[in-house]
């Protein structure tokens, strides 16, 4: 039986991890003929994140060295699946969009992004400055790598299983999405997008937007013009 694996990187997300797991449309995916596995990467949490995830039936991978990039690289090296999905554990991304993304993968896309900027952004979910920054980063990525994506920094991705095994990732933190995009674009993988509804975060953000935007822009430029 083919399988779908959903990866949830998590750092101190005890308030939301259970809600994200509960929202995964397991029954709907299983009706399409897939076995479903939910994997939570506990990235050094100091709360009950891992305990709650296990109680919900998820497999928990412990990665004490903090950093979203480190957590996802650990997950990619250990999980298997015909299709792999990744979304944040803060309940801002709708896991209910997985079937729509899966359908595009089944139809031939290699990678599918859950696009906030093509979809709906809930009031208060993203500051205007962040919204402008996201548009600029996507535009920069498209110019540098000759692509046509709308949302470079989305935390909601779907992959064919064989794709993740070709990605040479070195990101440590929240530059992960840019790192994945660069690898995907360089290999000329077919990228699809599904509009999603982006929700307001219920807990405090761990991301410094200006600093993260600078690192992402720097990575796009550095890797585009790197020699060798």
Foldseek 3Di string as FASTA:
>chain_A
DFAEEEEEEDAQQPVFQLVQLVQQPQVVVVVVPYDYAYEYEHAQHPDCNVVSCVVSPHHYHYHPPDAPLVSVVVVLVPDFGQKYKYAYRQPQFRSNCVVVQVVVVVVFAFKEAADQVVAAEPPQQDDPVLVVLQQVLQVLLCVLLVDDDRGQQHRIMMGRSVVSVQQDADHGHSLNSLSSVVRCSVVVTGYHYDYTYGYHGPDDDPDDRVVSSVVNVVVSVCVSPPDD
